[in-house]
């Protein structure tokens, strides 16, 4: 019983520890994210075809952007255009793009 409790506490502690994040370069991310503006409409957060809903990514959290792009790249998330885009990105590219989108605020638009 004590061993099971210890194991549960160890697992919970491991889950609570943040993963080591790769530091992103927002300026490099701005250049890499250029194609994103066609659908996501950064910096104005509007897409070019209003009847097709796309998520707002300017000012979004780094974790959301990184997780989403990696999920598209791995095929875990399904969307042909996003998978094609994400398949061209390295982990550093993804960190840089995330840093750029996180840096966008209503003041910067």
PDB file of N, CA and C in Angstrom:
ATOM      1  N   UNK A   1       0.822  -1.192   0.000  1.00  0.00           N
ATOM      2  CA  UNK A   1       0.000   0.000   0.000  1.00  0.00           C
ATOM      3  C   UNK A   1       0.865   1.253   0.000  1.00  0.00           C
ATOM      4  N   UNK A   2       1.914   1.267   0.833  1.00  0.00           N
ATOM      5  CA  UNK A   2       2.808   2.415   0.899  1.00  0.00           C
ATOM      6  C   UNK A   2       3.553   2.599  -0.415  1.00  0.00           C
ATOM      7  N   UNK A   3       3.949   1.482  -1.035  1.00  0.00           N
ATOM      8  CA  UNK A   3       4.632   1.559  -2.329  1.00  0.00           C
ATOM      9  C   UNK A   3       3.722   2.156  -3.397  1.00  0.00           C
ATOM     10  N   UNK A   4       2.459   1.790  -3.380  1.00  0.00           N
ATOM     11  CA  UNK A   4       1.496   2.303  -4.352  1.00  0.00           C
ATOM     12  C   UNK A   4       1.293   3.811  -4.143  1.00  0.00           C
ATOM     13  N   UNK A   5       1.198   4.248  -2.902  1.00  0.00           N
ATOM     14  CA  UNK A   5       1.050   5.666  -2.594  1.00  0.00           C
ATOM     15  C   UNK A   5       2.273   6.443  -3.060  1.00  0.00           C
ATOM     16  N   UNK A   6       3.459   5.889  -2.794  1.00  0.00           N
ATOM     17  CA  UNK A   6       4.696   6.537  -3.225  1.00  0.00           C
ATOM     18  C   UNK A   6       4.738   6.660  -4.748  1.00  0.00           C
ATOM     19  N   UNK A   7       4.332   5.608  -5.449  1.00  0.00           N
ATOM     20  CA  UNK A   7       4.309   5.613  -6.903  1.00  0.00           C
ATOM     21  C   UNK A   7       3.338   6.680  -7.426  1.00  0.00           C
ATOM     22  N   UNK A   8       2.174   6.774  -6.818  1.00  0.00           N
ATOM     23  CA  UNK A   8       1.176   7.776  -7.232  1.00  0.00           C
ATOM     24  C   UNK A   8       1.713   9.189  -7.034  1.00  0.00           C
ATOM     25  N   UNK A   9       2.359   9.436  -5.888  1.00  0.00           N
ATOM     26  CA  UNK A   9       2.928  10.757  -5.625  1.00  0.00           C
ATOM     27  C   UNK A   9       4.039  11.088  -6.609  1.00  0.00           C
ATOM     28  N   UNK A  10       4.863  10.103  -6.923  1.00  0.00           N
ATOM     29  CA  UNK A  10       5.953  10.319  -7.877  1.00  0.00           C
ATOM     30  C   UNK A  10       5.408  10.636  -9.262  1.00  0.00           C
ATOM     31  N   UNK A  11       4.377   9.929  -9.671  1.00  0.00           N
ATOM     32  CA  UNK A  11       3.762  10.193 -10.975  1.00  0.00           C
ATOM     33  C   UNK A  11       3.149  11.585 -11.017  1.00  0.00           C
ATOM     34  N   UNK A  12       2.444  11.954  -9.973  1.00  0.00           N
ATOM     35  CA  UNK A  12       1.826  13.287  -9.924  1.00  0.00           C
ATOM     36  C   UNK A  12       2.890  14.379  -9.947  1.00  0.00           C
ATOM     37  N   UNK A  13       3.975  14.183  -9.231  1.00  0.00           N
ATOM     38  CA  UNK A  13       5.059  15.169  -9.222  1.00  0.00           C
ATOM     39  C   UNK A  13       5.668  15.293 -10.607  1.00  0.00           C
ATOM     40  N   UNK A  14       5.813  14.178 -11.307  1.00  0.00           N
ATOM     41  CA  UNK A  14       6.361  14.201 -12.664  1.00  0.00           C
ATOM     42  C   UNK A  14       5.454  14.920 -13.634  1.00  0.00           C
ATOM     43  N   UNK A  15       4.162  14.752 -13.472  1.00  0.00           N
ATOM     44  CA  UNK A  15       3.214  15.435 -14.346  1.00  0.00           C
ATOM     45  C   UNK A  15       3.191  16.927 -14.081  1.00  0.00           C
ATOM     46  N   UNK A  16       3.463  17.323 -12.858  1.00  0.00           N
ATOM     47  CA  UNK A  16       3.414  18.731 -12.504  1.00  0.00           C
ATOM     48  C   UNK A  16       4.651  19.487 -12.960  1.00  0.00           C
ATOM     49  N   UNK A  17       5.729  18.765 -13.266  1.00  0.00           N
ATOM     50  CA  UNK A  17       6.957  19.428 -13.688  1.00  0.00           C
ATOM     51  C   UNK A  17       6.808  19.912 -15.121  1.00  0.00           C
ATOM     52  N   UNK A  18       7.121  21.176 -15.382  1.00  0.00           N
ATOM     53  CA  UNK A  18       6.993  21.675 -16.752  1.00  0.00           C
ATOM     54  C   UNK A  18       8.061  21.064 -17.649  1.00  0.00           C
ATOM     55  N   UNK A  19       7.688  20.852 -18.902  1.00  0.00           N
ATOM     56  CA  UNK A  19       8.663  20.357 -19.872  1.00  0.00           C
ATOM     57  C   UNK A  19       9.635  21.479 -20.206  1.00  0.00           C
ATOM     58  N   UNK A  20      10.831  21.107 -20.558  1.00  0.00           N
ATOM     59  CA  UNK A  20      11.814  22.110 -20.940  1.00  0.00           C
ATOM     60  C   UNK A  20      11.393  22.665 -22.293  1.00  0.00           C
ATOM     61  N   UNK A  21      11.115  23.933 -22.310  1.00  0.00           N
ATOM     62  CA  UNK A  21      10.623  24.572 -23.532  1.00  0.00           C
ATOM     63  C   UNK A  21      11.786  25.116 -24.345  1.00  0.00           C
ATOM     64  N   UNK A  22      11.617  25.055 -25.635  1.00  0.00           N
ATOM     65  CA  UNK A  22      12.596  25.613 -26.536  1.00  0.00           C
ATOM     66  C   UNK A  22      12.294  27.100 -26.657  1.00  0.00           C
ATOM     67  N   UNK A  23      13.306  27.920 -26.536  1.00  0.00           N
ATOM     68  CA  UNK A  23      13.108  29.356 -26.604  1.00  0.00           C
ATOM     69  C   UNK A  23      12.939  29.769 -28.058  1.00  0.00           C
ATOM     70  N   UNK A  24      11.927  30.597 -28.307  1.00  0.00           N
ATOM     71  CA  UNK A  24      11.651  31.023 -29.670  1.00  0.00           C
ATOM     72  C   UNK A  24      12.095  32.439 -29.953  1.00  0.00           C
ATOM     73  N   UNK A  25      12.394  32.703 -31.205  1.00  0.00           N
ATOM     74  CA  UNK A  25      12.797  34.012 -31.705  1.00  0.00           C
ATOM     75  C   UNK A  25      11.604  34.610 -32.455  1.00  0.00           C
ATOM     76  N   UNK A  26      10.954  35.600 -31.847  1.00  0.00           N
ATOM     77  CA  UNK A  26       9.729  36.176 -32.418  1.00  0.00           C
ATOM     78  C   UNK A  26       9.973  36.811 -33.786  1.00  0.00           C
ATOM     79  N   UNK A  27      11.113  37.445 -33.993  1.00  0.00           N
ATOM     80  CA  UNK A  27      11.389  38.081 -35.286  1.00  0.00           C
ATOM     81  C   UNK A  27      11.542  37.033 -36.388  1.00  0.00           C
ATOM     82  N   UNK A  28      12.259  35.965 -36.097  1.00  0.00           N
ATOM     83  CA  UNK A  28      12.369  34.871 -37.070  1.00  0.00           C
ATOM     84  C   UNK A  28      10.995  34.236 -37.287  1.00  0.00           C
ATOM     85  N   UNK A  29      10.223  34.105 -36.207  1.00  0.00           N
ATOM     86  CA  UNK A  29       8.876  33.554 -36.301  1.00  0.00           C
ATOM     87  C   UNK A  29       7.967  34.394 -37.168  1.00  0.00           C
ATOM     88  N   UNK A  30       8.135  35.725 -37.114  1.00  0.00           N
ATOM     89  CA  UNK A  30       7.330  36.620 -37.965  1.00  0.00           C
ATOM     90  C   UNK A  30       7.558  36.305 -39.439  1.00  0.00           C
ATOM     91  N   UNK A  31       8.799  36.050 -39.795  1.00  0.00           N
ATOM     92  CA  UNK A  31       9.127  35.727 -41.185  1.00  0.00           C
ATOM     93  C   UNK A  31       8.573  34.354 -41.560  1.00  0.00           C
ATOM     94  N   UNK A  32       8.755  33.379 -40.696  1.00  0.00           N
ATOM     95  CA  UNK A  32       8.259  32.025 -40.966  1.00  0.00           C
ATOM     96  C   UNK A  32       6.741  31.970 -41.040  1.00  0.00           C
ATOM     97  N   UNK A  33       6.065  32.805 -40.265  1.00  0.00           N
ATOM     98  CA  UNK A  33       4.599  32.769 -40.173  1.00  0.00           C
ATOM     99  C   UNK A  33       3.902  33.564 -41.274  1.00  0.00           C
ATOM    100  N   UNK A  34       4.647  34.062 -42.222  1.00  0.00           N
ATOM    101  CA  UNK A  34       4.057  34.889 -43.278  1.00  0.00           C
ATOM    102  C   UNK A  34       2.882  34.193 -43.965  1.00  0.00           C
ATOM    103  N   UNK A  35       3.028  32.915 -44.284  1.00  0.00           N
ATOM    104  CA  UNK A  35       1.949  32.207 -44.987  1.00  0.00           C
ATOM    105  C   UNK A  35       0.714  32.000 -44.116  1.00  0.00           C
ATOM    106  N   UNK A  36       0.870  32.103 -42.812  1.00  0.00           N
ATOM    107  CA  UNK A  36      -0.263  31.910 -41.894  1.00  0.00           C
ATOM    108  C   UNK A  36      -1.311  33.015 -42.058  1.00  0.00           C
ATOM    109  N   UNK A  37      -0.866  34.186 -42.520  1.00  0.00           N
ATOM    110  CA  UNK A  37      -1.781  35.332 -42.609  1.00  0.00           C
ATOM    111  C   UNK A  37      -2.887  35.131 -43.630  1.00  0.00           C
ATOM    112  N   UNK A  38      -2.673  34.269 -44.618  1.00  0.00           N
ATOM    113  CA  UNK A  38      -3.699  34.031 -45.626  1.00  0.00           C
ATOM    114  C   UNK A  38      -5.000  33.529 -45.038  1.00  0.00           C
ATOM    115  N   UNK A  39      -4.922  32.664 -44.045  1.00  0.00           N
ATOM    116  CA  UNK A  39      -6.124  32.120 -43.407  1.00  0.00           C
ATOM    117  C   UNK A  39      -6.390  32.732 -42.040  1.00  0.00           C
ATOM    118  N   UNK A  40      -5.335  32.892 -41.259  1.00  0.00           N
ATOM    119  CA  UNK A  40      -5.518  33.360 -39.890  1.00  0.00           C
ATOM    120  C   UNK A  40      -5.564  34.875 -39.802  1.00  0.00           C
ATOM    121  N   UNK A  41      -5.128  35.562 -40.863  1.00  0.00           N
ATOM    122  CA  UNK A  41      -5.268  37.004 -40.943  1.00  0.00           C
ATOM    123  C   UNK A  41      -4.482  37.796 -39.925  1.00  0.00           C
ATOM    124  N   UNK A  42      -3.391  37.272 -39.459  1.00  0.00           N
ATOM    125  CA  UNK A  42      -2.566  38.018 -38.522  1.00  0.00           C
ATOM    126  C   UNK A  42      -2.001  39.206 -39.266  1.00  0.00           C
ATOM    127  N   UNK A  43      -1.991  40.396 -38.751  1.00  0.00           N
ATOM    128  CA  UNK A  43      -2.250  40.755 -37.372  1.00  0.00           C
ATOM    129  C   UNK A  43      -3.706  41.088 -37.051  1.00  0.00           C
ATOM    130  N   UNK A  44      -4.584  41.137 -38.026  1.00  0.00           N
ATOM    131  CA  UNK A  44      -5.956  41.572 -37.737  1.00  0.00           C
ATOM    132  C   UNK A  44      -6.893  40.438 -37.337  1.00  0.00           C
ATOM    133  N   UNK A  45      -6.388  39.226 -37.276  1.00  0.00           N
ATOM    134  CA  UNK A  45      -7.121  38.056 -36.816  1.00  0.00           C
ATOM    135  C   UNK A  45      -8.425  37.817 -37.567  1.00  0.00           C
ATOM    136  N   UNK A  46      -8.394  38.078 -38.870  1.00  0.00           N
ATOM    137  CA  UNK A  46      -9.544  37.784 -39.730  1.00  0.00           C
ATOM    138  C   UNK A  46      -9.031  36.944 -40.888  1.00  0.00           C
ATOM    139  N   UNK A  47      -9.840  36.016 -41.323  1.00  0.00           N
ATOM    140  CA  UNK A  47      -9.414  35.194 -42.440  1.00  0.00           C
ATOM    141  C   UNK A  47      -9.888  35.794 -43.756  1.00  0.00           C
ATOM    142  N   UNK A  48      -9.286  35.347 -44.858  1.00  0.00           N
ATOM    143  CA  UNK A  48      -9.607  35.914 -46.162  1.00  0.00           C
ATOM    144  C   UNK A  48     -10.966  35.454 -46.674  1.00  0.00           C
ATOM    145  N   UNK A  49     -11.485  34.394 -46.146  1.00  0.00           N
ATOM    146  CA  UNK A  49     -12.776  33.884 -46.578  1.00  0.00           C
ATOM    147  C   UNK A  49     -13.658  33.747 -45.338  1.00  0.00           C
ATOM    148  N   UNK A  50     -14.435  34.776 -45.025  1.00  0.00           N
ATOM    149  CA  UNK A  50     -15.168  34.824 -43.743  1.00  0.00           C
ATOM    150  C   UNK A  50     -16.089  33.645 -43.448  1.00  0.00           C
ATOM    151  N   UNK A  51     -16.555  32.900 -44.453  1.00  0.00           N
ATOM    152  CA  UNK A  51     -17.457  31.799 -44.139  1.00  0.00           C
ATOM    153  C   UNK A  51     -16.700  30.556 -43.663  1.00  0.00           C
ATOM    154  N   UNK A  52     -15.381  30.571 -43.733  1.00  0.00           N
ATOM    155  CA  UNK A  52     -14.586  29.452 -43.221  1.00  0.00           C
ATOM    156  C   UNK A  52     -13.952  29.877 -41.907  1.00  0.00           C
ATOM    157  N   UNK A  53     -14.337  29.237 -40.843  1.00  0.00           N
ATOM    158  CA  UNK A  53     -13.879  29.621 -39.520  1.00  0.00           C
ATOM    159  C   UNK A  53     -12.485  29.072 -39.236  1.00  0.00           C
ATOM    160  N   UNK A  54     -11.585  29.953 -38.852  1.00  0.00           N
ATOM    161  CA  UNK A  54     -10.246  29.544 -38.421  1.00  0.00           C
ATOM    162  C   UNK A  54      -9.996  30.123 -37.038  1.00  0.00           C
ATOM    163  N   UNK A  55      -9.189  29.448 -36.229  1.00  0.00           N
ATOM    164  CA  UNK A  55      -8.959  29.964 -34.881  1.00  0.00           C
ATOM    165  C   UNK A  55      -8.090  31.210 -34.869  1.00  0.00           C
ATOM    166  N   UNK A  56      -8.303  32.024 -33.868  1.00  0.00           N
ATOM    167  CA  UNK A  56      -7.466  33.197 -33.628  1.00  0.00           C
ATOM    168  C   UNK A  56      -6.163  32.682 -33.058  1.00  0.00           C
ATOM    169  N   UNK A  57      -5.046  33.086 -33.634  1.00  0.00           N
ATOM    170  CA  UNK A  57      -3.773  32.624 -33.102  1.00  0.00           C
ATOM    171  C   UNK A  57      -2.888  33.765 -32.623  1.00  0.00           C
ATOM    172  N   UNK A  58      -3.189  34.994 -33.029  1.00  0.00           N
ATOM    173  CA  UNK A  58      -2.434  36.135 -32.517  1.00  0.00           C
ATOM    174  C   UNK A  58      -2.742  36.333 -31.041  1.00  0.00           C
ATOM    175  N   UNK A  59      -1.708  36.373 -30.195  1.00  0.00           N
ATOM    176  CA  UNK A  59      -1.901  36.530 -28.767  1.00  0.00           C
ATOM    177  C   UNK A  59      -2.269  35.241 -28.053  1.00  0.00           C
ATOM    178  N   UNK A  60      -2.321  34.138 -28.797  1.00  0.00           N
ATOM    179  CA  UNK A  60      -2.642  32.832 -28.209  1.00  0.00           C
ATOM    180  C   UNK A  60      -1.459  32.374 -27.346  1.00  0.00           C
ATOM    181  N   UNK A  61      -1.658  31.372 -26.526  1.00  0.00           N
ATOM    182  CA  UNK A  61      -0.574  30.905 -25.659  1.00  0.00           C
ATOM    183  C   UNK A  61       0.444  30.089 -26.457  1.00  0.00           C
ATOM    184  N   UNK A  62       1.672  30.138 -25.977  1.00  0.00           N
ATOM    185  CA  UNK A  62       2.757  29.398 -26.632  1.00  0.00           C
ATOM    186  C   UNK A  62       2.465  27.898 -26.651  1.00  0.00           C
ATOM    187  N   UNK A  63       2.002  27.385 -25.523  1.00  0.00           N
ATOM    188  CA  UNK A  63       1.722  25.955 -25.428  1.00  0.00           C
ATOM    189  C   UNK A  63       0.694  25.484 -26.434  1.00  0.00           C
ATOM    190  N   UNK A  64      -0.345  26.276 -26.645  1.00  0.00           N
ATOM    191  CA  UNK A  64      -1.394  25.927 -27.615  1.00  0.00           C
ATOM    192  C   UNK A  64      -0.825  25.866 -29.021  1.00  0.00           C
ATOM    193  N   UNK A  65      -0.053  26.871 -29.386  1.00  0.00           N
ATOM    194  CA  UNK A  65       0.487  26.938 -30.748  1.00  0.00           C
ATOM    195  C   UNK A  65       1.474  25.798 -30.984  1.00  0.00           C
ATOM    196  N   UNK A  66       2.380  25.590 -30.045  1.00  0.00           N
ATOM    197  CA  UNK A  66       3.369  24.518 -30.187  1.00  0.00           C
ATOM    198  C   UNK A  66       2.671  23.161 -30.266  1.00  0.00           C
ATOM    199  N   UNK A  67       1.764  22.908 -29.348  1.00  0.00           N
ATOM    200  CA  UNK A  67       1.066  21.607 -29.330  1.00  0.00           C
ATOM    201  C   UNK A  67       0.263  21.396 -30.611  1.00  0.00           C
ATOM    202  N   UNK A  68      -0.399  22.436 -31.082  1.00  0.00           N
ATOM    203  CA  UNK A  68      -1.207  22.311 -32.301  1.00  0.00           C
ATOM    204  C   UNK A  68      -0.344  22.006 -33.515  1.00  0.00           C
ATOM    205  N   UNK A  69       0.730  22.775 -33.698  1.00  0.00           N
ATOM    206  CA  UNK A  69       1.593  22.549 -34.859  1.00  0.00           C
ATOM    207  C   UNK A  69       2.249  21.171 -34.816  1.00  0.00           C
ATOM    208  N   UNK A  70       2.668  20.740 -33.637  1.00  0.00           N
ATOM    209  CA  UNK A  70       3.272  19.411 -33.531  1.00  0.00           C
ATOM    210  C   UNK A  70       2.238  18.315 -33.784  1.00  0.00           C
ATOM    211  N   UNK A  71       0.997  18.534 -33.362  1.00  0.00           N
ATOM    212  CA  UNK A  71      -0.062  17.553 -33.605  1.00  0.00           C
ATOM    213  C   UNK A  71      -0.401  17.476 -35.095  1.00  0.00           C
ATOM    214  N   UNK A  72      -0.405  18.597 -35.791  1.00  0.00           N
ATOM    215  CA  UNK A  72      -0.612  18.567 -37.241  1.00  0.00           C
ATOM    216  C   UNK A  72       0.556  17.863 -37.922  1.00  0.00           C
ATOM    217  N   UNK A  73       1.770  18.167 -37.477  1.00  0.00           N
ATOM    218  CA  UNK A  73       2.962  17.570 -38.082  1.00  0.00           C
ATOM    219  C   UNK A  73       2.978  16.052 -37.905  1.00  0.00           C
ATOM    220  N   UNK A  74       2.537  15.576 -36.758  1.00  0.00           N
ATOM    221  CA  UNK A  74       2.541  14.135 -36.497  1.00  0.00           C
ATOM    222  C   UNK A  74       1.341  13.416 -37.105  1.00  0.00           C
ATOM    223  N   UNK A  75       0.337  14.172 -37.530  1.00  0.00           N
ATOM    224  CA  UNK A  75      -0.876  13.573 -38.068  1.00  0.00           C
ATOM    225  C   UNK A  75      -1.941  13.343 -37.018  1.00  0.00           C
ATOM    226  N   UNK A  76      -1.639  13.686 -35.774  1.00  0.00           N
ATOM    227  CA  UNK A  76      -2.613  13.529 -34.687  1.00  0.00           C
ATOM    228  C   UNK A  76      -3.839  14.418 -34.923  1.00  0.00           C
ATOM    229  N   UNK A  77      -3.607  15.625 -35.443  1.00  0.00           N
ATOM    230  CA  UNK A  77      -4.718  16.507 -35.825  1.00  0.00           C
ATOM    231  C   UNK A  77      -4.838  16.476 -37.335  1.00  0.00           C
ATOM    232  N   UNK A  78      -6.061  16.411 -37.823  1.00  0.00           N
ATOM    233  CA  UNK A  78      -6.310  16.269 -39.246  1.00  0.00           C
ATOM    234  C   UNK A  78      -6.763  17.582 -39.886  1.00  0.00           C
ATOM    235  N   UNK A  79      -6.005  18.083 -40.804  1.00  0.00           N
ATOM    236  CA  UNK A  79      -6.377  19.203 -41.662  1.00  0.00           C
ATOM    237  C   UNK A  79      -5.295  19.270 -42.730  1.00  0.00           C
ATOM    238  N   UNK A  80      -5.650  18.990 -43.971  1.00  0.00           N
ATOM    239  CA  UNK A  80      -4.656  18.828 -45.031  1.00  0.00           C
ATOM    240  C   UNK A  80      -3.719  20.026 -45.167  1.00  0.00           C
ATOM    241  N   UNK A  81      -4.258  21.233 -45.151  1.00  0.00           N
ATOM    242  CA  UNK A  81      -3.426  22.423 -45.309  1.00  0.00           C
ATOM    243  C   UNK A  81      -2.489  22.595 -44.129  1.00  0.00           C
ATOM    244  N   UNK A  82      -3.020  22.443 -42.915  1.00  0.00           N
ATOM    245  CA  UNK A  82      -2.188  22.605 -41.730  1.00  0.00           C
ATOM    246  C   UNK A  82      -1.126  21.506 -41.640  1.00  0.00           C
ATOM    247  N   UNK A  83      -1.469  20.291 -42.031  1.00  0.00           N
ATOM    248  CA  UNK A  83      -0.482  19.216 -42.019  1.00  0.00           C
ATOM    249  C   UNK A  83       0.628  19.500 -43.029  1.00  0.00           C
ATOM    250  N   UNK A  84       0.275  19.991 -44.201  1.00  0.00           N
ATOM    251  CA  UNK A  84       1.283  20.326 -45.211  1.00  0.00           C
ATOM    252  C   UNK A  84       2.210  21.426 -44.701  1.00  0.00           C
ATOM    253  N   UNK A  85       1.644  22.437 -44.045  1.00  0.00           N
ATOM    254  CA  UNK A  85       2.469  23.517 -43.491  1.00  0.00           C
ATOM    255  C   UNK A  85       3.361  23.006 -42.369  1.00  0.00           C
ATOM    256  N   UNK A  86       2.779  22.282 -41.429  1.00  0.00           N
ATOM    257  CA  UNK A  86       3.517  21.828 -40.252  1.00  0.00           C
ATOM    258  C   UNK A  86       4.610  20.825 -40.614  1.00  0.00           C
ATOM    259  N   UNK A  87       4.407  20.042 -41.651  1.00  0.00           N
ATOM    260  CA  UNK A  87       5.408  19.054 -42.055  1.00  0.00           C
ATOM    261  C   UNK A  87       6.711  19.686 -42.511  1.00  0.00           C
ATOM    262  N   UNK A  88       6.696  20.958 -42.826  1.00  0.00           N
ATOM    263  CA  UNK A  88       7.914  21.646 -43.269  1.00  0.00           C
ATOM    264  C   UNK A  88       8.671  22.274 -42.101  1.00  0.00           C
ATOM    265  N   UNK A  89       8.120  22.208 -40.887  1.00  0.00           N
ATOM    266  CA  UNK A  89       8.671  22.938 -39.741  1.00  0.00           C
ATOM    267  C   UNK A  89       9.494  22.058 -38.811  1.00  0.00           C
ATOM    268  N   UNK A  90      10.625  22.588 -38.377  1.00  0.00           N
ATOM    269  CA  UNK A  90      11.428  21.938 -37.341  1.00  0.00           C
ATOM    270  C   UNK A  90      10.870  22.353 -35.976  1.00  0.00           C
ATOM    271  N   UNK A  91      11.355  21.736 -34.918  1.00  0.00           N
ATOM    272  CA  UNK A  91      10.936  22.138 -33.577  1.00  0.00           C
ATOM    273  C   UNK A  91      11.309  23.599 -33.311  1.00  0.00           C
ATOM    274  N   UNK A  92      12.484  24.034 -33.792  1.00  0.00           N
ATOM    275  CA  UNK A  92      12.891  25.423 -33.596  1.00  0.00           C
ATOM    276  C   UNK A  92      11.985  26.366 -34.385  1.00  0.00           C
ATOM    277  N   UNK A  93      11.607  25.988 -35.605  1.00  0.00           N
ATOM    278  CA  UNK A  93      10.667  26.800 -36.387  1.00  0.00           C
ATOM    279  C   UNK A  93       9.364  26.984 -35.624  1.00  0.00           C
ATOM    280  N   UNK A  94       8.861  25.900 -35.056  1.00  0.00           N
ATOM    281  CA  UNK A  94       7.604  25.943 -34.300  1.00  0.00           C
ATOM    282  C   UNK A  94       7.746  26.853 -33.086  1.00  0.00           C
ATOM    283  N   UNK A  95       8.868  26.763 -32.377  1.00  0.00           N
ATOM    284  CA  UNK A  95       9.103  27.630 -31.212  1.00  0.00           C
ATOM    285  C   UNK A  95       9.162  29.097 -31.638  1.00  0.00           C
ATOM    286  N   UNK A  96       9.786  29.377 -32.782  1.00  0.00           N
ATOM    287  CA  UNK A  96       9.892  30.751 -33.270  1.00  0.00           C
ATOM    288  C   UNK A  96       8.528  31.294 -33.686  1.00  0.00           C
ATOM    289  N   UNK A  97       7.746  30.484 -34.379  1.00  0.00           N
ATOM    290  CA  UNK A  97       6.400  30.897 -34.799  1.00  0.00           C
ATOM    291  C   UNK A  97       5.533  31.153 -33.570  1.00  0.00           C
ATOM    292  N   UNK A  98       5.616  30.274 -32.587  1.00  0.00           N
ATOM    293  CA  UNK A  98       4.844  30.457 -31.352  1.00  0.00           C
ATOM    294  C   UNK A  98       5.248  31.752 -30.665  1.00  0.00           C
ATOM    295  N   UNK A  99       6.541  32.029 -30.602  1.00  0.00           N
ATOM    296  CA  UNK A  99       7.017  33.266 -29.963  1.00  0.00           C
ATOM    297  C   UNK A  99       6.451  34.490 -30.680  1.00  0.00           C
ATOM    298  N   UNK A 100       6.369  34.437 -31.997  1.00  0.00           N
ATOM    299  CA  UNK A 100       5.799  35.558 -32.764  1.00  0.00           C
ATOM    300  C   UNK A 100       4.323  35.754 -32.434  1.00  0.00           C
ATOM    301  N   UNK A 101       3.543  34.683 -32.517  1.00  0.00           N
ATOM    302  CA  UNK A 101       2.109  34.823 -32.274  1.00  0.00           C
ATOM    303  C   UNK A 101       1.804  35.244 -30.840  1.00  0.00           C
ATOM    304  N   UNK A 102       2.575  34.756 -29.894  1.00  0.00           N
ATOM    305  CA  UNK A 102       2.399  35.156 -28.498  1.00  0.00           C
ATOM    306  C   UNK A 102       2.675  36.647 -28.339  1.00  0.00           C
ATOM    307  N   UNK A 103       3.602  37.166 -29.119  1.00  0.00           N
ATOM    308  CA  UNK A 103       3.980  38.580 -29.008  1.00  0.00           C
ATOM    309  C   UNK A 103       2.911  39.526 -29.536  1.00  0.00           C
ATOM    310  N   UNK A 104       1.976  39.018 -30.326  1.00  0.00           N
ATOM    311  CA  UNK A 104       0.947  39.889 -30.896  1.00  0.00           C
ATOM    312  C   UNK A 104      -0.114  40.223 -29.850  1.00  0.00           C
ATOM    313  N   UNK A 105      -0.397  41.480 -29.729  1.00  0.00           N
ATOM    314  CA  UNK A 105      -1.458  41.945 -28.839  1.00  0.00           C
ATOM    315  C   UNK A 105      -2.305  42.944 -29.603  1.00  0.00           C
ATOM    316  N   UNK A 106      -3.414  43.351 -29.047  1.00  0.00           N
ATOM    317  CA  UNK A 106      -4.256  44.338 -29.720  1.00  0.00           C
ATOM    318  C   UNK A 106      -3.486  45.629 -29.954  1.00  0.00           C
ATOM    319  N   UNK A 107      -2.544  45.957 -29.072  1.00  0.00           N
ATOM    320  CA  UNK A 107      -1.738  47.157 -29.226  1.00  0.00           C
ATOM    321  C   UNK A 107      -0.799  47.080 -30.410  1.00  0.00           C
ATOM    322  N   UNK A 108      -0.369  45.863 -30.777  1.00  0.00           N
ATOM    323  CA  UNK A 108       0.592  45.712 -31.870  1.00  0.00           C
ATOM    324  C   UNK A 108      -0.070  45.577 -33.224  1.00  0.00           C
ATOM    325  N   UNK A 109      -1.377  45.560 -33.245  1.00  0.00           N
ATOM    326  CA  UNK A 109      -2.078  45.349 -34.523  1.00  0.00           C
ATOM    327  C   UNK A 109      -2.298  46.655 -35.212  1.00  0.00           C
TER     328      UNK A 109
END
